[in-house]
Each structure stands twice: as structure tokens, then as C-alpha cells.
Amino acid sequence: PFAAHLRRAAETERAGAQVLWTPDHGPLPSLYLSHGAPMLFE
């Protein structure tokens, strides 16, 4: 499943590169994330 995720991520990036942060964007948010364990890769 993680290999498939990497392929999808690469396809998404090829379709349109992620916009790089600039000061015009203002402050980034702060995040709290539930991170799982290696099984998250599945």
C-alpha cells in the first residue's frame, strides 16, 4: 500500500507542483496529528 501511495503522490506532484510558502501566504497553521505506527503505511 505504501508503494501505491508513493505512486499517487508522484502523480499528484506531476499534475501540479505544490506551491512553496512565501511571506504573502501569511503564517502557516500549527498542526496536531495522530501519527499511528508503521502499520500506518498499510
Full PDB file with SEQRES, HELIX, SHEET, SSBOND, CRYST1, ORIGX, SCALE, CONECT and MASTER records, all heavy atoms in Angstrom:
SEQRES   1 A   42  PRO PHE ALA ALA HIS LEU ARG ARG ALA ALA GLU THR GLU          
SEQRES   2 A   42  ARG ALA GLY ALA GLN VAL LEU TRP THR PRO ASP HIS GLY          
SEQRES   3 A   42  PRO LEU PRO SER LEU TYR LEU SER HIS GLY ALA PRO MET          
SEQRES   4 A   42  LEU PHE GLU                                                  
HELIX    1 AA1 PHE A    2  ALA A   15  1                                  14    
HELIX    2 AA2 PRO A   23  HIS A   25  5                                   3    
HELIX    3 AA3 PRO A   38  PHE A   41  5                                   4    
CRYST1    1.000    1.000    1.000  90.00  90.00  90.00 P 1           1          
ORIGX1      1.000000  0.000000  0.000000        0.00000                         
ORIGX2      0.000000  1.000000  0.000000        0.00000                         
ORIGX3      0.000000  0.000000  1.000000        0.00000                         
SCALE1      1.000000  0.000000  0.000000        0.00000                         
SCALE2      0.000000  1.000000  0.000000        0.00000                         
SCALE3      0.000000  0.000000  1.000000        0.00000                         
ATOM      1  N   PRO A   1       0.800  -1.238   0.000  1.00  0.00           N  
ATOM      2  CA  PRO A   1       0.000   0.000   0.000  1.00  0.00           C  
ATOM      3  C   PRO A   1       0.825   1.277   0.000  1.00  0.00           C  
ATOM      4  O   PRO A   1       0.422   2.279  -0.611  1.00  0.00           O  
ATOM      5  CB  PRO A   1      -0.830  -0.122   1.279  1.00  0.00           C  
ATOM      6  CG  PRO A   1      -0.948  -1.587   1.503  1.00  0.00           C  
ATOM      7  CD  PRO A   1       0.357  -2.172   1.055  1.00  0.00           C  
ATOM      8  N   PHE A   2       1.993   1.271   0.649  1.00  0.00           N  
ATOM      9  CA  PHE A   2       2.798   2.499   0.661  1.00  0.00           C  
ATOM     10  C   PHE A   2       3.437   2.757  -0.696  1.00  0.00           C  
ATOM     11  O   PHE A   2       3.577   3.907  -1.110  1.00  0.00           O  
ATOM     12  CB  PHE A   2       3.874   2.450   1.745  1.00  0.00           C  
ATOM     13  CG  PHE A   2       4.659   3.735   1.843  1.00  0.00           C  
ATOM     14  CD1 PHE A   2       4.030   4.932   2.153  1.00  0.00           C  
ATOM     15  CD2 PHE A   2       6.024   3.752   1.599  1.00  0.00           C  
ATOM     16  CE1 PHE A   2       4.739   6.131   2.223  1.00  0.00           C  
ATOM     17  CE2 PHE A   2       6.745   4.939   1.677  1.00  0.00           C  
ATOM     18  CZ  PHE A   2       6.103   6.140   1.988  1.00  0.00           C  
ATOM     19  N   ALA A   3       3.807   1.703  -1.417  1.00  0.00           N  
ATOM     20  CA  ALA A   3       4.326   1.894  -2.778  1.00  0.00           C  
ATOM     21  C   ALA A   3       3.260   2.532  -3.659  1.00  0.00           C  
ATOM     22  O   ALA A   3       3.551   3.433  -4.467  1.00  0.00           O  
ATOM     23  CB  ALA A   3       4.789   0.558  -3.364  1.00  0.00           C  
ATOM     24  N   ALA A   4       2.017   2.082  -3.505  1.00  0.00           N  
ATOM     25  CA  ALA A   4       0.916   2.688  -4.260  1.00  0.00           C  
ATOM     26  C   ALA A   4       0.731   4.152  -3.848  1.00  0.00           C  
ATOM     27  O   ALA A   4       0.458   5.011  -4.691  1.00  0.00           O  
ATOM     28  CB  ALA A   4      -0.371   1.899  -4.041  1.00  0.00           C  
ATOM     29  N   HIS A   5       0.880   4.431  -2.550  1.00  0.00           N  
ATOM     30  CA  HIS A   5       0.771   5.814  -2.071  1.00  0.00           C  
ATOM     31  C   HIS A   5       1.844   6.684  -2.713  1.00  0.00           C  
ATOM     32  O   HIS A   5       1.564   7.821  -3.140  1.00  0.00           O  
ATOM     33  CB  HIS A   5       0.898   5.848  -0.552  1.00  0.00           C  
ATOM     34  CG  HIS A   5       0.905   7.234   0.024  1.00  0.00           C  
ATOM     35  ND1 HIS A   5      -0.239   7.989   0.171  1.00  0.00           N  
ATOM     36  CD2 HIS A   5       1.926   8.020   0.466  1.00  0.00           C  
ATOM     37  CE1 HIS A   5       0.067   9.165   0.690  1.00  0.00           C  
ATOM     38  NE2 HIS A   5       1.368   9.209   0.869  1.00  0.00           N  
ATOM     39  N   LEU A   6       3.057   6.179  -2.780  1.00  0.00           N  
ATOM     40  CA  LEU A   6       4.147   6.945  -3.395  1.00  0.00           C  
ATOM     41  C   LEU A   6       3.856   7.232  -4.869  1.00  0.00           C  
ATOM     42  O   LEU A   6       4.131   8.334  -5.358  1.00  0.00           O  
ATOM     43  CB  LEU A   6       5.469   6.193  -3.260  1.00  0.00           C  
ATOM     44  CG  LEU A   6       6.053   6.104  -1.854  1.00  0.00           C  
ATOM     45  CD1 LEU A   6       7.277   5.187  -1.850  1.00  0.00           C  
ATOM     46  CD2 LEU A   6       6.434   7.491  -1.342  1.00  0.00           C  
ATOM     47  N   ARG A   7       3.283   6.264  -5.561  1.00  0.00           N  
ATOM     48  CA  ARG A   7       2.945   6.485  -6.969  1.00  0.00           C  
ATOM     49  C   ARG A   7       1.874   7.563  -7.105  1.00  0.00           C  
ATOM     50  O   ARG A   7       1.970   8.451  -7.967  1.00  0.00           O  
ATOM     51  CB  ARG A   7       2.490   5.172  -7.620  1.00  0.00           C  
ATOM     52  CG  ARG A   7       3.599   4.137  -7.778  1.00  0.00           C  
ATOM     53  CD  ARG A   7       3.174   2.987  -8.680  1.00  0.00           C  
ATOM     54  NE  ARG A   7       2.089   2.183  -8.114  1.00  0.00           N  
ATOM     55  CZ  ARG A   7       2.274   1.118  -7.331  1.00  0.00           C  
ATOM     56  NH1 ARG A   7       3.496   0.738  -7.009  1.00  0.00           N  
ATOM     57  NH2 ARG A   7       1.245   0.420  -6.875  1.00  0.00           N  
ATOM     58  N   ARG A   8       0.865   7.501  -6.253  1.00  0.00           N  
ATOM     59  CA  ARG A   8      -0.197   8.518  -6.312  1.00  0.00           C  
ATOM     60  C   ARG A   8       0.351   9.902  -5.975  1.00  0.00           C  
ATOM     61  O   ARG A   8      -0.010  10.899  -6.612  1.00  0.00           O  
ATOM     62  CB  ARG A   8      -1.326   8.151  -5.353  1.00  0.00           C  
ATOM     63  CG  ARG A   8      -2.168   6.966  -5.788  1.00  0.00           C  
ATOM     64  CD  ARG A   8      -3.429   6.843  -4.926  1.00  0.00           C  
ATOM     65  NE  ARG A   8      -3.113   6.633  -3.521  1.00  0.00           N  
ATOM     66  CZ  ARG A   8      -2.920   5.441  -2.974  1.00  0.00           C  
ATOM     67  NH1 ARG A   8      -3.008   4.348  -3.717  1.00  0.00           N  
ATOM     68  NH2 ARG A   8      -2.655   5.330  -1.683  1.00  0.00           N  
ATOM     69  N   ALA A   9       1.219   9.963  -4.970  1.00  0.00           N  
ATOM     70  CA  ALA A   9       1.805  11.247  -4.587  1.00  0.00           C  
ATOM     71  C   ALA A   9       2.630  11.832  -5.726  1.00  0.00           C  
ATOM     72  O   ALA A   9       2.579  13.046  -5.989  1.00  0.00           O  
ATOM     73  CB  ALA A   9       2.659  11.079  -3.333  1.00  0.00           C  
ATOM     74  N   ALA A  10       3.391  10.986  -6.398  1.00  0.00           N  
ATOM     75  CA  ALA A  10       4.210  11.457  -7.524  1.00  0.00           C  
ATOM     76  C   ALA A  10       3.335  11.938  -8.673  1.00  0.00           C  
ATOM     77  O   ALA A  10       3.622  12.961  -9.316  1.00  0.00           O  
ATOM     78  CB  ALA A  10       5.141  10.341  -7.992  1.00  0.00           C  
ATOM     79  N   GLU A  11       2.243  11.231  -8.927  1.00  0.00           N  
ATOM     80  CA  GLU A  11       1.326  11.648  -9.989  1.00  0.00           C  
ATOM     81  C   GLU A  11       0.687  12.997  -9.658  1.00  0.00           C  
ATOM     82  O   GLU A  11       0.524  13.865 -10.529  1.00  0.00           O  
ATOM     83  CB  GLU A  11       0.250  10.582 -10.192  1.00  0.00           C  
ATOM     84  CG  GLU A  11       0.773   9.286 -10.795  1.00  0.00           C  
ATOM     85  CD  GLU A  11      -0.244   8.162 -10.717  1.00  0.00           C  
ATOM     86  OE1 GLU A  11      -1.368   8.416 -10.220  1.00  0.00           O  
ATOM     87  OE2 GLU A  11       0.086   7.037 -11.133  1.00  0.00           O  
ATOM     88  N   THR A  12       0.331  13.181  -8.391  1.00  0.00           N  
ATOM     89  CA  THR A  12      -0.261  14.449  -7.962  1.00  0.00           C  
ATOM     90  C   THR A  12       0.726  15.586  -8.153  1.00  0.00           C  
ATOM     91  O   THR A  12       0.357  16.670  -8.625  1.00  0.00           O  
ATOM     92  CB  THR A  12      -0.685  14.362  -6.487  1.00  0.00           C  
ATOM     93  OG1 THR A  12      -1.648  13.315  -6.333  1.00  0.00           O  
ATOM     94  CG2 THR A  12      -1.296  15.680  -6.024  1.00  0.00           C  
ATOM     95  N   GLU A  13       1.987  15.355  -7.804  1.00  0.00           N  
ATOM     96  CA  GLU A  13       3.006  16.392  -7.947  1.00  0.00           C  
ATOM     97  C   GLU A  13       3.259  16.713  -9.418  1.00  0.00           C  
ATOM     98  O   GLU A  13       3.440  17.880  -9.791  1.00  0.00           O  
ATOM     99  CB  GLU A  13       4.300  15.950  -7.262  1.00  0.00           C  
ATOM    100  CG  GLU A  13       5.415  16.974  -7.259  1.00  0.00           C  
ATOM    101  CD  GLU A  13       5.136  18.189  -6.388  1.00  0.00           C  
ATOM    102  OE1 GLU A  13       4.183  18.163  -5.586  1.00  0.00           O  
ATOM    103  OE2 GLU A  13       5.882  19.185  -6.523  1.00  0.00           O  
ATOM    104  N   ARG A  14       3.250  15.691 -10.267  1.00  0.00           N  
ATOM    105  CA  ARG A  14       3.444  15.931 -11.700  1.00  0.00           C  
ATOM    106  C   ARG A  14       2.285  16.728 -12.283  1.00  0.00           C  
ATOM    107  O   ARG A  14       2.467  17.562 -13.181  1.00  0.00           O  
ATOM    108  CB  ARG A  14       3.593  14.605 -12.456  1.00  0.00           C  
ATOM    109  CG  ARG A  14       4.950  13.943 -12.284  1.00  0.00           C  
ATOM    110  CD  ARG A  14       5.151  12.832 -13.291  1.00  0.00           C  
ATOM    111  NE  ARG A  14       4.218  11.726 -13.087  1.00  0.00           N  
ATOM    112  CZ  ARG A  14       4.455  10.673 -12.310  1.00  0.00           C  
ATOM    113  NH1 ARG A  14       5.599  10.593 -11.645  1.00  0.00           N  
ATOM    114  NH2 ARG A  14       3.570   9.703 -12.196  1.00  0.00           N  
ATOM    115  N   ALA A  15       1.097  16.503 -11.768  1.00  0.00           N  
ATOM    116  CA  ALA A  15      -0.077  17.221 -12.263  1.00  0.00           C  
ATOM    117  C   ALA A  15      -0.056  18.683 -11.854  1.00  0.00           C  
ATOM    118  O   ALA A  15      -0.663  19.531 -12.520  1.00  0.00           O  
ATOM    119  CB  ALA A  15      -1.356  16.551 -11.761  1.00  0.00           C  
ATOM    120  N   GLY A  16       0.626  18.990 -10.783  1.00  0.00           N  
ATOM    121  CA  GLY A  16       0.727  20.376 -10.328  1.00  0.00           C  
ATOM    122  C   GLY A  16       1.601  20.456  -9.093  1.00  0.00           C  
ATOM    123  O   GLY A  16       1.239  19.913  -8.044  1.00  0.00           O  
ATOM    124  N   ALA A  17       2.766  21.057  -9.221  1.00  0.00           N  
ATOM    125  CA  ALA A  17       3.705  21.118  -8.105  1.00  0.00           C  
ATOM    126  C   ALA A  17       3.087  21.878  -6.931  1.00  0.00           C  
ATOM    127  O   ALA A  17       2.361  22.865  -7.125  1.00  0.00           O  
ATOM    128  CB  ALA A  17       5.005  21.795  -8.536  1.00  0.00           C  
ATOM    129  N   GLN A  18       3.363  21.412  -5.724  1.00  0.00           N  
ATOM    130  CA  GLN A  18       2.857  22.081  -4.534  1.00  0.00           C  
ATOM    131  C   GLN A  18       3.441  23.485  -4.436  1.00  0.00           C  
ATOM    132  O   GLN A  18       4.633  23.693  -4.639  1.00  0.00           O  
ATOM    133  CB  GLN A  18       3.210  21.284  -3.276  1.00  0.00           C  
ATOM    134  CG  GLN A  18       2.586  21.841  -2.004  1.00  0.00           C  
ATOM    135  CD  GLN A  18       2.777  20.920  -0.816  1.00  0.00           C  
ATOM    136  OE1 GLN A  18       3.464  19.905  -0.909  1.00  0.00           O  
ATOM    137  NE2 GLN A  18       2.165  21.259   0.300  1.00  0.00           N  
ATOM    138  N   VAL A  19       2.592  24.441  -4.134  1.00  0.00           N  
ATOM    139  CA  VAL A  19       3.019  25.833  -4.043  1.00  0.00           C  
ATOM    140  C   VAL A  19       3.944  26.015  -2.847  1.00  0.00           C  
ATOM    141  O   VAL A  19       3.611  25.602  -1.724  1.00  0.00           O  
ATOM    142  CB  VAL A  19       1.801  26.763  -3.916  1.00  0.00           C  
ATOM    143  CG1 VAL A  19       2.241  28.201  -3.720  1.00  0.00           C  
ATOM    144  CG2 VAL A  19       0.908  26.623  -5.150  1.00  0.00           C  
ATOM    145  N   LEU A  20       5.090  26.597  -3.047  1.00  0.00           N  
ATOM    146  CA  LEU A  20       6.035  26.848  -1.967  1.00  0.00           C  
ATOM    147  C   LEU A  20       5.578  28.034  -1.125  1.00  0.00           C  
ATOM    148  O   LEU A  20       5.056  29.022  -1.653  1.00  0.00           O  
ATOM    149  CB  LEU A  20       7.428  27.127  -2.530  1.00  0.00           C  
ATOM    150  CG  LEU A  20       8.089  25.986  -3.317  1.00  0.00           C  
ATOM    151  CD1 LEU A  20       9.403  26.459  -3.921  1.00  0.00           C  
ATOM    152  CD2 LEU A  20       8.320  24.778  -2.417  1.00  0.00           C  
ATOM    153  N   TRP A  21       5.758  27.945   0.184  1.00  0.00           N  
ATOM    154  CA  TRP A  21       5.374  29.034   1.077  1.00  0.00           C  
ATOM    155  C   TRP A  21       6.170  30.290   0.756  1.00  0.00           C  
ATOM    156  O   TRP A  21       7.387  30.243   0.510  1.00  0.00           O  
ATOM    157  CB  TRP A  21       5.613  28.648   2.530  1.00  0.00           C  
ATOM    158  CG  TRP A  21       5.233  29.747   3.502  1.00  0.00           C  
ATOM    159  CD1 TRP A  21       4.019  29.951   4.067  1.00  0.00           C  
ATOM    160  CD2 TRP A  21       6.080  30.807   3.966  1.00  0.00           C  
ATOM    161  NE1 TRP A  21       4.043  31.078   4.862  1.00  0.00           N  
ATOM    162  CE2 TRP A  21       5.295  31.624   4.816  1.00  0.00           C  
ATOM    163  CE3 TRP A  21       7.414  31.149   3.741  1.00  0.00           C  
ATOM    164  CZ2 TRP A  21       5.799  32.750   5.450  1.00  0.00           C  
ATOM    165  CZ3 TRP A  21       7.929  32.275   4.363  1.00  0.00           C  
ATOM    166  CH2 TRP A  21       7.128  33.058   5.216  1.00  0.00           C  
ATOM    167  N   THR A  22       5.475  31.434   0.761  1.00  0.00           N  
ATOM    168  CA  THR A  22       6.106  32.750   0.688  1.00  0.00           C  
ATOM    169  C   THR A  22       5.470  33.624   1.763  1.00  0.00           C  
ATOM    170  O   THR A  22       4.382  33.310   2.271  1.00  0.00           O  
ATOM    171  CB  THR A  22       5.896  33.417  -0.684  1.00  0.00           C  
ATOM    172  OG1 THR A  22       4.505  33.774  -0.826  1.00  0.00           O  
ATOM    173  CG2 THR A  22       6.315  32.493  -1.821  1.00  0.00           C  
ATOM    174  N   PRO A  23       6.108  34.724   2.131  1.00  0.00           N  
ATOM    175  CA  PRO A  23       5.504  35.612   3.137  1.00  0.00           C  
ATOM    176  C   PRO A  23       4.097  36.069   2.780  1.00  0.00           C  
ATOM    177  O   PRO A  23       3.296  36.384   3.674  1.00  0.00           O  
ATOM    178  CB  PRO A  23       6.493  36.780   3.208  1.00  0.00           C  
ATOM    179  CG  PRO A  23       7.804  36.173   2.825  1.00  0.00           C  
ATOM    180  CD  PRO A  23       7.474  35.167   1.765  1.00  0.00           C  
ATOM    181  N   ASP A  24       3.785  36.097   1.487  1.00  0.00           N  
ATOM    182  CA  ASP A  24       2.439  36.517   1.083  1.00  0.00           C  
ATOM    183  C   ASP A  24       1.357  35.556   1.590  1.00  0.00           C  
ATOM    184  O   ASP A  24       0.189  35.945   1.687  1.00  0.00           O  
ATOM    185  CB  ASP A  24       2.355  36.613  -0.439  1.00  0.00           C  
ATOM    186  CG  ASP A  24       3.164  37.784  -0.994  1.00  0.00           C  
ATOM    187  OD1 ASP A  24       3.464  38.717  -0.223  1.00  0.00           O  
ATOM    188  OD2 ASP A  24       3.498  37.749  -2.195  1.00  0.00           O  
ATOM    189  N   HIS A  25       1.733  34.318   1.899  1.00  0.00           N  
ATOM    190  CA  HIS A  25       0.763  33.353   2.408  1.00  0.00           C  
ATOM    191  C   HIS A  25       0.398  33.626   3.866  1.00  0.00           C  
ATOM    192  O   HIS A  25      -0.606  33.112   4.364  1.00  0.00           O  
ATOM    193  CB  HIS A  25       1.313  31.928   2.298  1.00  0.00           C  
ATOM    194  CG  HIS A  25       1.390  31.414   0.897  1.00  0.00           C  
ATOM    195  ND1 HIS A  25       2.580  31.213   0.231  1.00  0.00           N  
ATOM    196  CD2 HIS A  25       0.413  31.059   0.025  1.00  0.00           C  
ATOM    197  CE1 HIS A  25       2.340  30.748  -0.986  1.00  0.00           C  
ATOM    198  NE2 HIS A  25       1.027  30.646  -1.132  1.00  0.00           N  
ATOM    199  N   GLY A  26       1.203  34.403   4.559  1.00  0.00           N  
ATOM    200  CA  GLY A  26       0.971  34.613   5.982  1.00  0.00           C  
ATOM    201  C   GLY A  26       1.457  33.422   6.783  1.00  0.00           C  
ATOM    202  O   GLY A  26       2.018  32.458   6.246  1.00  0.00           O  
ATOM    203  N   PRO A  27       1.255  33.438   8.088  1.00  0.00           N  
ATOM    204  CA  PRO A  27       1.748  32.344   8.935  1.00  0.00           C  
ATOM    205  C   PRO A  27       1.104  31.007   8.570  1.00  0.00           C  
ATOM    206  O   PRO A  27      -0.088  30.944   8.259  1.00  0.00           O  
ATOM    207  CB  PRO A  27       1.337  32.775  10.352  1.00  0.00           C  
ATOM    208  CG  PRO A  27       1.096  34.247  10.262  1.00  0.00           C  
ATOM    209  CD  PRO A  27       0.595  34.506   8.879  1.00  0.00           C  
ATOM    210  N   LEU A  28       1.903  29.972   8.613  1.00  0.00           N  
ATOM    211  CA  LEU A  28       1.352  28.634   8.470  1.00  0.00           C  
ATOM    212  C   LEU A  28       0.560  28.270   9.726  1.00  0.00           C  
ATOM    213  O   LEU A  28       0.838  28.789  10.808  1.00  0.00           O  
ATOM    214  CB  LEU A  28       2.483  27.614   8.271  1.00  0.00           C  
ATOM    215  CG  LEU A  28       3.167  27.607   6.906  1.00  0.00           C  
ATOM    216  CD1 LEU A  28       4.409  26.730   6.950  1.00  0.00           C  
ATOM    217  CD2 LEU A  28       2.210  27.114   5.823  1.00  0.00           C  
ATOM    218  N   PRO A  29      -0.413  27.374   9.625  1.00  0.00           N  
ATOM    219  CA  PRO A  29      -1.097  26.917  10.839  1.00  0.00           C  
ATOM    220  C   PRO A  29      -0.169  26.018  11.648  1.00  0.00           C  
ATOM    221  O   PRO A  29       0.853  25.544  11.142  1.00  0.00           O  
ATOM    222  CB  PRO A  29      -2.289  26.133  10.288  1.00  0.00           C  
ATOM    223  CG  PRO A  29      -1.823  25.636   8.964  1.00  0.00           C  
ATOM    224  CD  PRO A  29      -0.939  26.728   8.411  1.00  0.00           C  
ATOM    225  N   SER A  30      -0.513  25.788  12.904  1.00  0.00           N  
ATOM    226  CA  SER A  30       0.149  24.748  13.682  1.00  0.00           C  
ATOM    227  C   SER A  30      -0.742  23.507  13.648  1.00  0.00           C  
ATOM    228  O   SER A  30      -1.971  23.615  13.573  1.00  0.00           O  
ATOM    229  CB  SER A  30       0.401  25.209  15.119  1.00  0.00           C  
ATOM    230  OG  SER A  30      -0.799  25.643  15.739  1.00  0.00           O  
ATOM    231  N   LEU A  31      -0.131  22.335  13.697  1.00  0.00           N  
ATOM    232  CA  LEU A  31      -0.850  21.081  13.490  1.00  0.00           C  
ATOM    233  C   LEU A  31      -0.736  20.173  14.705  1.00  0.00           C  
ATOM    234  O   LEU A  31       0.312  20.132  15.360  1.00  0.00           O  
ATOM    235  CB  LEU A  31      -0.281  20.325  12.287  1.00  0.00           C  
ATOM    236  CG  LEU A  31      -0.749  20.662  10.874  1.00  0.00           C  
ATOM    237  CD1 LEU A  31      -0.645  22.154  10.562  1.00  0.00           C  
ATOM    238  CD2 LEU A  31       0.058  19.859   9.845  1.00  0.00           C  
ATOM    239  N   TYR A  32      -1.814  19.470  15.002  1.00  0.00           N  
ATOM    240  CA  TYR A  32      -1.756  18.305  15.884  1.00  0.00           C  
ATOM    241  C   TYR A  32      -2.189  17.112  15.051  1.00  0.00           C  
ATOM    242  O   TYR A  32      -3.277  17.130  14.447  1.00  0.00           O  
ATOM    243  CB  TYR A  32      -2.681  18.442  17.100  1.00  0.00           C  
ATOM    244  CG  TYR A  32      -2.768  17.159  17.907  1.00  0.00           C  
ATOM    245  CD1 TYR A  32      -1.769  16.818  18.814  1.00  0.00           C  
ATOM    246  CD2 TYR A  32      -3.829  16.276  17.732  1.00  0.00           C  
ATOM    247  CE1 TYR A  32      -1.833  15.636  19.540  1.00  0.00           C  
ATOM    248  CE2 TYR A  32      -3.906  15.084  18.453  1.00  0.00           C  
ATOM    249  CZ  TYR A  32      -2.901  14.771  19.355  1.00  0.00           C  
ATOM    250  OH  TYR A  32      -2.959  13.595  20.062  1.00  0.00           O  
ATOM    251  N   LEU A  33      -1.346  16.102  14.986  1.00  0.00           N  
ATOM    252  CA  LEU A  33      -1.721  14.933  14.197  1.00  0.00           C  
ATOM    253  C   LEU A  33      -1.562  13.665  15.006  1.00  0.00           C  
ATOM    254  O   LEU A  33      -0.684  13.543  15.865  1.00  0.00           O  
ATOM    255  CB  LEU A  33      -0.920  14.861  12.895  1.00  0.00           C  
ATOM    256  CG  LEU A  33       0.606  14.813  12.927  1.00  0.00           C  
ATOM    257  CD1 LEU A  33       1.107  13.394  13.140  1.00  0.00           C  
ATOM    258  CD2 LEU A  33       1.167  15.361  11.612  1.00  0.00           C  
ATOM    259  N   SER A  34      -2.471  12.737  14.750  1.00  0.00           N  
ATOM    260  CA  SER A  34      -2.360  11.387  15.279  1.00  0.00           C  
ATOM    261  C   SER A  34      -1.497  10.607  14.308  1.00  0.00           C  
ATOM    262  O   SER A  34      -1.806  10.539  13.117  1.00  0.00           O  
ATOM    263  CB  SER A  34      -3.747  10.758  15.423  1.00  0.00           C  
ATOM    264  OG  SER A  34      -4.521  11.456  16.386  1.00  0.00           O  
ATOM    265  N   HIS A  35      -0.390  10.052  14.811  1.00  0.00           N  
ATOM    266  CA  HIS A  35       0.634   9.584  13.878  1.00  0.00           C  
ATOM    267  C   HIS A  35       0.638   8.095  13.595  1.00  0.00           C  
ATOM    268  O   HIS A  35       1.324   7.641  12.685  1.00  0.00           O  
ATOM    269  CB  HIS A  35       2.025  10.000  14.363  1.00  0.00           C  
ATOM    270  CG  HIS A  35       2.437   9.402  15.682  1.00  0.00           C  
ATOM    271  ND1 HIS A  35       2.746  10.187  16.757  1.00  0.00           N  
ATOM    272  CD2 HIS A  35       2.603   8.126  16.096  1.00  0.00           C  
ATOM    273  CE1 HIS A  35       3.095   9.427  17.782  1.00  0.00           C  
ATOM    274  NE2 HIS A  35       3.004   8.170  17.410  1.00  0.00           N  
ATOM    275  N   GLY A  36      -0.077   7.294  14.376  1.00  0.00           N  
ATOM    276  CA  GLY A  36      -0.061   5.872  14.086  1.00  0.00           C  
ATOM    277  C   GLY A  36       1.307   5.259  14.309  1.00  0.00           C  
ATOM    278  O   GLY A  36       2.181   5.825  14.958  1.00  0.00           O  
ATOM    279  N   ALA A  37       1.503   4.077  13.780  1.00  0.00           N  
ATOM    280  CA  ALA A  37       2.749   3.326  13.886  1.00  0.00           C  
ATOM    281  C   ALA A  37       3.116   2.869  12.479  1.00  0.00           C  
ATOM    282  O   ALA A  37       2.474   3.289  11.505  1.00  0.00           O  
ATOM    283  CB  ALA A  37       2.538   2.141  14.835  1.00  0.00           C  
ATOM    284  N   PRO A  38       4.153   2.039  12.316  1.00  0.00           N  
ATOM    285  CA  PRO A  38       4.460   1.581  10.955  1.00  0.00           C  
ATOM    286  C   PRO A  38       3.282   0.970  10.213  1.00  0.00           C  
ATOM    287  O   PRO A  38       3.249   1.000   8.984  1.00  0.00           O  
ATOM    288  CB  PRO A  38       5.574   0.557  11.195  1.00  0.00           C  
ATOM    289  CG  PRO A  38       6.281   1.083  12.398  1.00  0.00           C  
ATOM    290  CD  PRO A  38       5.177   1.623  13.279  1.00  0.00           C  
ATOM    291  N   MET A  39       2.298   0.432  10.940  1.00  0.00           N  
ATOM    292  CA  MET A  39       1.124  -0.107  10.254  1.00  0.00           C  
ATOM    293  C   MET A  39       0.346   0.976   9.497  1.00  0.00           C  
ATOM    294  O   MET A  39      -0.460   0.663   8.621  1.00  0.00           O  
ATOM    295  CB  MET A  39       0.199  -0.816  11.243  1.00  0.00           C  
ATOM    296  CG  MET A  39      -0.456   0.080  12.267  1.00  0.00           C  
ATOM    297  SD  MET A  39      -1.531  -0.833  13.417  1.00  0.00           S  
ATOM    298  CE  MET A  39      -0.332  -1.787  14.339  1.00  0.00           C  
ATOM    299  N   LEU A  40       0.623   2.240   9.797  1.00  0.00           N  
ATOM    300  CA  LEU A  40       0.008   3.334   9.042  1.00  0.00           C  
ATOM    301  C   LEU A  40       0.367   3.231   7.561  1.00  0.00           C  
ATOM    302  O   LEU A  40      -0.421   3.626   6.692  1.00  0.00           O  
ATOM    303  CB  LEU A  40       0.458   4.679   9.622  1.00  0.00           C  
ATOM    304  CG  LEU A  40      -0.018   5.968   8.955  1.00  0.00           C  
ATOM    305  CD1 LEU A  40      -1.521   6.008   8.781  1.00  0.00           C  
ATOM    306  CD2 LEU A  40       0.454   7.175   9.767  1.00  0.00           C  
ATOM    307  N   PHE A  41       1.546   2.691   7.263  1.00  0.00           N  
ATOM    308  CA  PHE A  41       1.965   2.536   5.867  1.00  0.00           C  
ATOM    309  C   PHE A  41       1.110   1.522   5.115  1.00  0.00           C  
ATOM    310  O   PHE A  41       1.277   1.348   3.913  1.00  0.00           O  
ATOM    311  CB  PHE A  41       3.437   2.116   5.792  1.00  0.00           C  
ATOM    312  CG  PHE A  41       4.403   3.189   6.210  1.00  0.00           C  
ATOM    313  CD1 PHE A  41       5.222   3.011   7.311  1.00  0.00           C  
ATOM    314  CD2 PHE A  41       4.501   4.373   5.497  1.00  0.00           C  
ATOM    315  CE1 PHE A  41       6.126   3.988   7.699  1.00  0.00           C  
ATOM    316  CE2 PHE A  41       5.396   5.350   5.874  1.00  0.00           C  
ATOM    317  CZ  PHE A  41       6.211   5.170   6.976  1.00  0.00           C  
ATOM    318  N   GLU A  42       0.221   0.837   5.824  1.00  0.00           N  
ATOM    319  CA  GLU A  42      -0.664  -0.140   5.186  1.00  0.00           C  
ATOM    320  C   GLU A  42      -2.110   0.336   5.151  1.00  0.00           C  
ATOM    321  O   GLU A  42      -2.983  -0.388   4.700  1.00  0.00           O  
ATOM    322  CB  GLU A  42      -0.558  -1.472   5.946  1.00  0.00           C  
ATOM    323  CG  GLU A  42       0.853  -2.028   5.972  1.00  0.00           C  
ATOM    324  CD  GLU A  42       1.011  -3.220   6.901  1.00  0.00           C  
ATOM    325  OE1 GLU A  42      -0.020  -3.782   7.323  1.00  0.00           O  
ATOM    326  OE2 GLU A  42       2.169  -3.579   7.202  1.00  0.00           O  
TER     327      GLU A  42                                                      
MASTER        0    0    0    3    0    0    0    6  326    1    0    4          
END                                                                             
